[in-house]
ModelCIF file with pLDDT and N, C-alpha, C, O atoms, coordinates in Angstrom:
data_MODEL
#
_entry.id   MODEL 
#
_entity.id                         1 
_entity.type                       polymer 
_entity.pdbx_number_of_molecules   1 
#
_entity_poly.entity_id                      1 
_entity_poly.type                           'polypeptide(L)' 
_entity_poly.nstd_linkage                   no 
_entity_poly.nstd_monomer                   no 
_entity_poly.pdbx_seq_one_letter_code       VLLDPTQALARQMSVLGLPVTVLLDPEGREVAR 
_entity_poly.pdbx_seq_one_letter_code_can   VLLDPTQALARQMSVLGLPVTVLLDPEGREVAR 
_entity_poly.pdbx_strand_id                 A 
#
loop_
_entity_poly_seq.entity_id 
_entity_poly_seq.num 
_entity_poly_seq.mon_id 
_entity_poly_seq.hetero 
1 1  VAL n 
1 2  LEU n 
1 3  LEU n 
1 4  ASP n 
1 5  PRO n 
1 6  THR n 
1 7  GLN n 
1 8  ALA n 
1 9  LEU n 
1 10 ALA n 
1 11 ARG n 
1 12 GLN n 
1 13 MET n 
1 14 SER n 
1 15 VAL n 
1 16 LEU n 
1 17 GLY n 
1 18 LEU n 
1 19 PRO n 
1 20 VAL n 
1 21 THR n 
1 22 VAL n 
1 23 LEU n 
1 24 LEU n 
1 25 ASP n 
1 26 PRO n 
1 27 GLU n 
1 28 GLY n 
1 29 ARG n 
1 30 GLU n 
1 31 VAL n 
1 32 ALA n 
1 33 ARG n 
#
_struct_asym.id          A 
_struct_asym.entity_id   1 
#
loop_
_ma_qa_metric.id 
_ma_qa_metric.mode 
_ma_qa_metric.name 
_ma_qa_metric.software_group_id 
_ma_qa_metric.type 
1 global pLDDT . pLDDT 
2 local  pLDDT . pLDDT 
#
_ma_qa_metric_global.metric_id      1 
_ma_qa_metric_global.metric_value   97.18 
_ma_qa_metric_global.model_id       1 
_ma_qa_metric_global.ordinal_id     1 
#
loop_
_ma_qa_metric_local.label_asym_id 
_ma_qa_metric_local.label_comp_id 
_ma_qa_metric_local.label_seq_id 
_ma_qa_metric_local.metric_id 
_ma_qa_metric_local.metric_value 
_ma_qa_metric_local.model_id 
_ma_qa_metric_local.ordinal_id 
A VAL 1  2 98.00 1 1  
A LEU 2  2 98.00 1 2  
A LEU 3  2 98.00 1 3  
A ASP 4  2 98.00 1 4  
A PRO 5  2 97.00 1 5  
A THR 6  2 97.00 1 6  
A GLN 7  2 98.00 1 7  
A ALA 8  2 98.00 1 8  
A LEU 9  2 98.00 1 9  
A ALA 10 2 98.00 1 10 
A ARG 11 2 97.00 1 11 
A GLN 12 2 97.00 1 12 
A MET 13 2 97.00 1 13 
A SER 14 2 97.00 1 14 
A VAL 15 2 97.00 1 15 
A LEU 16 2 94.00 1 16 
A GLY 17 2 95.00 1 17 
A LEU 18 2 97.00 1 18 
A PRO 19 2 98.00 1 19 
A VAL 20 2 98.00 1 20 
A THR 21 2 98.00 1 21 
A VAL 22 2 98.00 1 22 
A LEU 23 2 97.00 1 23 
A LEU 24 2 98.00 1 24 
A ASP 25 2 97.00 1 25 
A PRO 26 2 97.00 1 26 
A GLU 27 2 97.00 1 27 
A GLY 28 2 97.00 1 28 
A ARG 29 2 97.00 1 29 
A GLU 30 2 97.00 1 30 
A VAL 31 2 96.00 1 31 
A ALA 32 2 96.00 1 32 
A ARG 33 2 97.00 1 33 
#
loop_
_atom_site.group_PDB 
_atom_site.id 
_atom_site.type_symbol 
_atom_site.label_atom_id 
_atom_site.label_alt_id 
_atom_site.label_comp_id 
_atom_site.label_asym_id 
_atom_site.label_entity_id 
_atom_site.label_seq_id 
_atom_site.pdbx_PDB_ins_code 
_atom_site.Cartn_x 
_atom_site.Cartn_y 
_atom_site.Cartn_z 
_atom_site.occupancy 
_atom_site.B_iso_or_equiv 
_atom_site.pdbx_formal_charge 
_atom_site.auth_seq_id 
_atom_site.auth_comp_id 
_atom_site.auth_asym_id 
_atom_site.auth_atom_id 
_atom_site.pdbx_PDB_model_num 
ATOM 1   N N  . VAL A 1 1  ? -22.506 -94.105 74.266 1.00 98.00 ? 1  VAL A N  1 
ATOM 2   C CA . VAL A 1 1  ? -23.636 -93.800 75.145 1.00 98.00 ? 1  VAL A CA 1 
ATOM 3   C C  . VAL A 1 1  ? -23.097 -92.811 76.178 1.00 98.00 ? 1  VAL A C  1 
ATOM 4   O O  . VAL A 1 1  ? -22.413 -93.188 77.130 1.00 98.00 ? 1  VAL A O  1 
ATOM 5   N N  . LEU A 1 2  ? -23.424 -91.541 75.965 1.00 98.00 ? 2  LEU A N  1 
ATOM 6   C CA . LEU A 1 2  ? -22.985 -90.466 76.850 1.00 98.00 ? 2  LEU A CA 1 
ATOM 7   C C  . LEU A 1 2  ? -24.208 -89.670 77.284 1.00 98.00 ? 2  LEU A C  1 
ATOM 8   O O  . LEU A 1 2  ? -25.123 -89.432 76.496 1.00 98.00 ? 2  LEU A O  1 
ATOM 9   N N  . LEU A 1 3  ? -24.208 -89.265 78.547 1.00 98.00 ? 3  LEU A N  1 
ATOM 10  C CA . LEU A 1 3  ? -25.372 -88.573 79.102 1.00 98.00 ? 3  LEU A CA 1 
ATOM 11  C C  . LEU A 1 3  ? -24.960 -87.280 79.799 1.00 98.00 ? 3  LEU A C  1 
ATOM 12  O O  . LEU A 1 3  ? -23.920 -87.207 80.454 1.00 98.00 ? 3  LEU A O  1 
ATOM 13  N N  . ASP A 1 4  ? -25.793 -86.276 79.639 1.00 98.00 ? 4  ASP A N  1 
ATOM 14  C CA . ASP A 1 4  ? -25.667 -84.986 80.311 1.00 98.00 ? 4  ASP A CA 1 
ATOM 15  C C  . ASP A 1 4  ? -26.962 -84.789 81.091 1.00 98.00 ? 4  ASP A C  1 
ATOM 16  O O  . ASP A 1 4  ? -27.778 -83.939 80.735 1.00 98.00 ? 4  ASP A O  1 
ATOM 17  N N  . PRO A 1 5  ? -27.158 -85.584 82.171 1.00 97.00 ? 5  PRO A N  1 
ATOM 18  C CA . PRO A 1 5  ? -28.459 -85.614 82.839 1.00 97.00 ? 5  PRO A CA 1 
ATOM 19  C C  . PRO A 1 5  ? -28.876 -84.292 83.470 1.00 97.00 ? 5  PRO A C  1 
ATOM 20  O O  . PRO A 1 5  ? -30.072 -84.009 83.551 1.00 97.00 ? 5  PRO A O  1 
ATOM 21  N N  . THR A 1 6  ? -27.934 -83.478 83.917 1.00 97.00 ? 6  THR A N  1 
ATOM 22  C CA . THR A 1 6  ? -28.284 -82.192 84.522 1.00 97.00 ? 6  THR A CA 1 
ATOM 23  C C  . THR A 1 6  ? -28.281 -81.068 83.498 1.00 97.00 ? 6  THR A C  1 
ATOM 24  O O  . THR A 1 6  ? -28.575 -79.921 83.835 1.00 97.00 ? 6  THR A O  1 
ATOM 25  N N  . GLN A 1 7  ? -27.957 -81.379 82.279 1.00 98.00 ? 7  GLN A N  1 
ATOM 26  C CA . GLN A 1 7  ? -27.880 -80.434 81.168 1.00 98.00 ? 7  GLN A CA 1 
ATOM 27  C C  . GLN A 1 7  ? -26.838 -79.340 81.406 1.00 98.00 ? 7  GLN A C  1 
ATOM 28  O O  . GLN A 1 7  ? -26.940 -78.254 80.835 1.00 98.00 ? 7  GLN A O  1 
ATOM 29  N N  . ALA A 1 8  ? -25.850 -79.616 82.237 1.00 98.00 ? 8  ALA A N  1 
ATOM 30  C CA . ALA A 1 8  ? -24.811 -78.625 82.524 1.00 98.00 ? 8  ALA A CA 1 
ATOM 31  C C  . ALA A 1 8  ? -24.034 -78.267 81.261 1.00 98.00 ? 8  ALA A C  1 
ATOM 32  O O  . ALA A 1 8  ? -23.821 -77.089 80.974 1.00 98.00 ? 8  ALA A O  1 
ATOM 33  N N  . LEU A 1 9  ? -23.609 -79.283 80.505 1.00 98.00 ? 9  LEU A N  1 
ATOM 34  C CA . LEU A 1 9  ? -22.871 -79.011 79.273 1.00 98.00 ? 9  LEU A CA 1 
ATOM 35  C C  . LEU A 1 9  ? -23.783 -78.347 78.244 1.00 98.00 ? 9  LEU A C  1 
ATOM 36  O O  . LEU A 1 9  ? -23.376 -77.398 77.572 1.00 98.00 ? 9  LEU A O  1 
ATOM 37  N N  . ALA A 1 10 ? -24.997 -78.837 78.121 1.00 98.00 ? 10 ALA A N  1 
ATOM 38  C CA . ALA A 1 10 ? -25.939 -78.250 77.166 1.00 98.00 ? 10 ALA A CA 1 
ATOM 39  C C  . ALA A 1 10 ? -26.161 -76.764 77.470 1.00 98.00 ? 10 ALA A C  1 
ATOM 40  O O  . ALA A 1 10 ? -26.219 -75.948 76.551 1.00 98.00 ? 10 ALA A O  1 
ATOM 41  N N  . ARG A 1 11 ? -26.283 -76.413 78.746 1.00 97.00 ? 11 ARG A N  1 
ATOM 42  C CA . ARG A 1 11 ? -26.446 -74.998 79.112 1.00 97.00 ? 11 ARG A CA 1 
ATOM 43  C C  . ARG A 1 11 ? -25.188 -74.203 78.764 1.00 97.00 ? 11 ARG A C  1 
ATOM 44  O O  . ARG A 1 11 ? -25.285 -73.107 78.211 1.00 97.00 ? 11 ARG A O  1 
ATOM 45  N N  . GLN A 1 12 ? -24.015 -74.739 79.079 1.00 97.00 ? 12 GLN A N  1 
ATOM 46  C CA . GLN A 1 12 ? -22.763 -74.045 78.752 1.00 97.00 ? 12 GLN A CA 1 
ATOM 47  C C  . GLN A 1 12 ? -22.634 -73.815 77.253 1.00 97.00 ? 12 GLN A C  1 
ATOM 48  O O  . GLN A 1 12 ? -22.075 -72.810 76.815 1.00 97.00 ? 12 GLN A O  1 
ATOM 49  N N  . MET A 1 13 ? -23.154 -74.754 76.474 1.00 97.00 ? 13 MET A N  1 
ATOM 50  C CA . MET A 1 13 ? -23.041 -74.682 75.021 1.00 97.00 ? 13 MET A CA 1 
ATOM 51  C C  . MET A 1 13 ? -24.248 -73.982 74.374 1.00 97.00 ? 13 MET A C  1 
ATOM 52  O O  . MET A 1 13 ? -24.378 -73.970 73.150 1.00 97.00 ? 13 MET A O  1 
ATOM 53  N N  . SER A 1 14 ? -25.121 -73.403 75.197 1.00 97.00 ? 14 SER A N  1 
ATOM 54  C CA . SER A 1 14 ? -26.297 -72.673 74.701 1.00 97.00 ? 14 SER A CA 1 
ATOM 55  C C  . SER A 1 14 ? -27.186 -73.542 73.812 1.00 97.00 ? 14 SER A C  1 
ATOM 56  O O  . SER A 1 14 ? -27.661 -73.102 72.765 1.00 97.00 ? 14 SER A O  1 
ATOM 57  N N  . VAL A 1 15 ? -27.398 -74.772 74.246 1.00 97.00 ? 15 VAL A N  1 
ATOM 58  C CA . VAL A 1 15 ? -28.298 -75.680 73.542 1.00 97.00 ? 15 VAL A CA 1 
ATOM 59  C C  . VAL A 1 15 ? -29.699 -75.411 74.085 1.00 97.00 ? 15 VAL A C  1 
ATOM 60  O O  . VAL A 1 15 ? -30.018 -75.771 75.218 1.00 97.00 ? 15 VAL A O  1 
ATOM 61  N N  . LEU A 1 16 ? -30.524 -74.779 73.265 1.00 94.00 ? 16 LEU A N  1 
ATOM 62  C CA . LEU A 1 16 ? -31.855 -74.373 73.713 1.00 94.00 ? 16 LEU A CA 1 
ATOM 63  C C  . LEU A 1 16 ? -32.956 -75.272 73.184 1.00 94.00 ? 16 LEU A C  1 
ATOM 64  O O  . LEU A 1 16 ? -34.085 -75.210 73.671 1.00 94.00 ? 16 LEU A O  1 
ATOM 65  N N  . GLY A 1 17 ? -32.662 -76.084 72.225 1.00 95.00 ? 17 GLY A N  1 
ATOM 66  C CA . GLY A 1 17 ? -33.611 -77.030 71.649 1.00 95.00 ? 17 GLY A CA 1 
ATOM 67  C C  . GLY A 1 17 ? -32.826 -78.225 71.145 1.00 95.00 ? 17 GLY A C  1 
ATOM 68  O O  . GLY A 1 17 ? -31.596 -78.226 71.191 1.00 95.00 ? 17 GLY A O  1 
ATOM 69  N N  . LEU A 1 18 ? -33.517 -79.230 70.669 1.00 97.00 ? 18 LEU A N  1 
ATOM 70  C CA . LEU A 1 18 ? -32.848 -80.441 70.190 1.00 97.00 ? 18 LEU A CA 1 
ATOM 71  C C  . LEU A 1 18 ? -33.387 -80.829 68.826 1.00 97.00 ? 18 LEU A C  1 
ATOM 72  O O  . LEU A 1 18 ? -34.547 -80.565 68.513 1.00 97.00 ? 18 LEU A O  1 
ATOM 73  N N  . PRO A 1 19 ? -32.564 -81.443 68.033 1.00 98.00 ? 19 PRO A N  1 
ATOM 74  C CA . PRO A 1 19 ? -31.137 -81.678 68.186 1.00 98.00 ? 19 PRO A CA 1 
ATOM 75  C C  . PRO A 1 19 ? -30.311 -80.438 67.852 1.00 98.00 ? 19 PRO A C  1 
ATOM 76  O O  . PRO A 1 19 ? -30.758 -79.556 67.119 1.00 98.00 ? 19 PRO A O  1 
ATOM 77  N N  . VAL A 1 20 ? -29.115 -80.389 68.396 1.00 98.00 ? 20 VAL A N  1 
ATOM 78  C CA . VAL A 1 20 ? -28.111 -79.375 68.062 1.00 98.00 ? 20 VAL A CA 1 
ATOM 79  C C  . VAL A 1 20 ? -26.812 -80.127 67.817 1.00 98.00 ? 20 VAL A C  1 
ATOM 80  O O  . VAL A 1 20 ? -26.422 -80.986 68.607 1.00 98.00 ? 20 VAL A O  1 
ATOM 81  N N  . THR A 1 21 ? -26.148 -79.796 66.719 1.00 98.00 ? 21 THR A N  1 
ATOM 82  C CA . THR A 1 21 ? -24.882 -80.426 66.386 1.00 98.00 ? 21 THR A CA 1 
ATOM 83  C C  . THR A 1 21 ? -23.819 -79.349 66.254 1.00 98.00 ? 21 THR A C  1 
ATOM 84  O O  . THR A 1 21 ? -24.016 -78.340 65.576 1.00 98.00 ? 21 THR A O  1 
ATOM 85  N N  . VAL A 1 22 ? -22.692 -79.579 66.911 1.00 98.00 ? 22 VAL A N  1 
ATOM 86  C CA . VAL A 1 22 ? -21.609 -78.609 66.971 1.00 98.00 ? 22 VAL A CA 1 
ATOM 87  C C  . VAL A 1 22 ? -20.337 -79.272 66.444 1.00 98.00 ? 22 VAL A C  1 
ATOM 88  O O  . VAL A 1 22 ? -20.026 -80.406 66.809 1.00 98.00 ? 22 VAL A O  1 
ATOM 89  N N  . LEU A 1 23 ? -19.611 -78.568 65.592 1.00 97.00 ? 23 LEU A N  1 
ATOM 90  C CA . LEU A 1 23 ? -18.334 -79.063 65.101 1.00 97.00 ? 23 LEU A CA 1 
ATOM 91  C C  . LEU A 1 23 ? -17.216 -78.362 65.867 1.00 97.00 ? 23 LEU A C  1 
ATOM 92  O O  . LEU A 1 23 ? -17.134 -77.134 65.892 1.00 97.00 ? 23 LEU A O  1 
ATOM 93  N N  . LEU A 1 24 ? -16.355 -79.170 66.492 1.00 98.00 ? 24 LEU A N  1 
ATOM 94  C CA . LEU A 1 24 ? -15.207 -78.650 67.229 1.00 98.00 ? 24 LEU A CA 1 
ATOM 95  C C  . LEU A 1 24 ? -13.942 -78.869 66.414 1.00 98.00 ? 24 LEU A C  1 
ATOM 96  O O  . LEU A 1 24 ? -13.791 -79.895 65.751 1.00 98.00 ? 24 LEU A O  1 
ATOM 97  N N  . ASP A 1 25 ? -13.031 -77.897 66.465 1.00 97.00 ? 25 ASP A N  1 
ATOM 98  C CA . ASP A 1 25 ? -11.737 -78.063 65.810 1.00 97.00 ? 25 ASP A CA 1 
ATOM 99  C C  . ASP A 1 25 ? -10.803 -78.839 66.738 1.00 97.00 ? 25 ASP A C  1 
ATOM 100 O O  . ASP A 1 25 ? -11.171 -79.102 67.883 1.00 97.00 ? 25 ASP A O  1 
ATOM 101 N N  . PRO A 1 26 ? -9.615  -79.210 66.284 1.00 97.00 ? 26 PRO A N  1 
ATOM 102 C CA . PRO A 1 26 ? -8.714  -79.997 67.129 1.00 97.00 ? 26 PRO A CA 1 
ATOM 103 C C  . PRO A 1 26 ? -8.288  -79.294 68.422 1.00 97.00 ? 26 PRO A C  1 
ATOM 104 O O  . PRO A 1 26 ? -7.834  -79.953 69.358 1.00 97.00 ? 26 PRO A O  1 
ATOM 105 N N  . GLU A 1 27 ? -8.427  -77.978 68.486 1.00 97.00 ? 27 GLU A N  1 
ATOM 106 C CA . GLU A 1 27 ? -8.125  -77.248 69.719 1.00 97.00 ? 27 GLU A CA 1 
ATOM 107 C C  . GLU A 1 27 ? -9.300  -77.272 70.689 1.00 97.00 ? 27 GLU A C  1 
ATOM 108 O O  . GLU A 1 27 ? -9.201  -76.751 71.800 1.00 97.00 ? 27 GLU A O  1 
ATOM 109 N N  . GLY A 1 28 ? -10.415 -77.875 70.272 1.00 97.00 ? 28 GLY A N  1 
ATOM 110 C CA . GLY A 1 28 ? -11.583 -77.984 71.131 1.00 97.00 ? 28 GLY A CA 1 
ATOM 111 C C  . GLY A 1 28 ? -12.495 -76.776 71.076 1.00 97.00 ? 28 GLY A C  1 
ATOM 112 O O  . GLY A 1 28 ? -13.306 -76.573 71.979 1.00 97.00 ? 28 GLY A O  1 
ATOM 113 N N  . ARG A 1 29 ? -12.376 -75.971 70.030 1.00 97.00 ? 29 ARG A N  1 
ATOM 114 C CA . ARG A 1 29 ? -13.210 -74.775 69.883 1.00 97.00 ? 29 ARG A CA 1 
ATOM 115 C C  . ARG A 1 29 ? -14.347 -75.035 68.902 1.00 97.00 ? 29 ARG A C  1 
ATOM 116 O O  . ARG A 1 29 ? -14.186 -75.773 67.930 1.00 97.00 ? 29 ARG A O  1 
ATOM 117 N N  . GLU A 1 30 ? -15.486 -74.425 69.163 1.00 97.00 ? 30 GLU A N  1 
ATOM 118 C CA . GLU A 1 30 ? -16.628 -74.553 68.266 1.00 97.00 ? 30 GLU A CA 1 
ATOM 119 C C  . GLU A 1 30 ? -16.387 -73.723 67.012 1.00 97.00 ? 30 GLU A C  1 
ATOM 120 O O  . GLU A 1 30 ? -16.138 -72.519 67.081 1.00 97.00 ? 30 GLU A O  1 
ATOM 121 N N  . VAL A 1 31 ? -16.467 -74.397 65.855 1.00 96.00 ? 31 VAL A N  1 
ATOM 122 C CA . VAL A 1 31 ? -16.274 -73.700 64.585 1.00 96.00 ? 31 VAL A CA 1 
ATOM 123 C C  . VAL A 1 31 ? -17.554 -73.653 63.745 1.00 96.00 ? 31 VAL A C  1 
ATOM 124 O O  . VAL A 1 31 ? -17.642 -72.874 62.796 1.00 96.00 ? 31 VAL A O  1 
ATOM 125 N N  . ALA A 1 32 ? -18.546 -74.484 64.090 1.00 96.00 ? 32 ALA A N  1 
ATOM 126 C CA . ALA A 1 32 ? -19.799 -74.481 63.340 1.00 96.00 ? 32 ALA A CA 1 
ATOM 127 C C  . ALA A 1 32 ? -20.893 -75.105 64.188 1.00 96.00 ? 32 ALA A C  1 
ATOM 128 O O  . ALA A 1 32 ? -20.620 -75.862 65.120 1.00 96.00 ? 32 ALA A O  1 
ATOM 129 N N  . ARG A 1 33 ? -22.147 -74.773 63.850 1.00 97.00 ? 33 ARG A N  1 
ATOM 130 C CA . ARG A 1 33 ? -23.303 -75.277 64.589 1.00 97.00 ? 33 ARG A CA 1 
ATOM 131 C C  . ARG A 1 33 ? -24.483 -75.425 63.638 1.00 97.00 ? 33 ARG A C  1 
ATOM 132 O O  . ARG A 1 33 ? -25.565 -75.837 64.055 1.00 97.00 ? 33 ARG A O  1 
#
């Protein structure tokens, strides 16, 4: 149960609609969406 109530992370990640699923590599970089 994790919340981003101010949508700060969603904005940083360019989440413009829902749902959006992002795959991160072990270095923490987005490799797929």
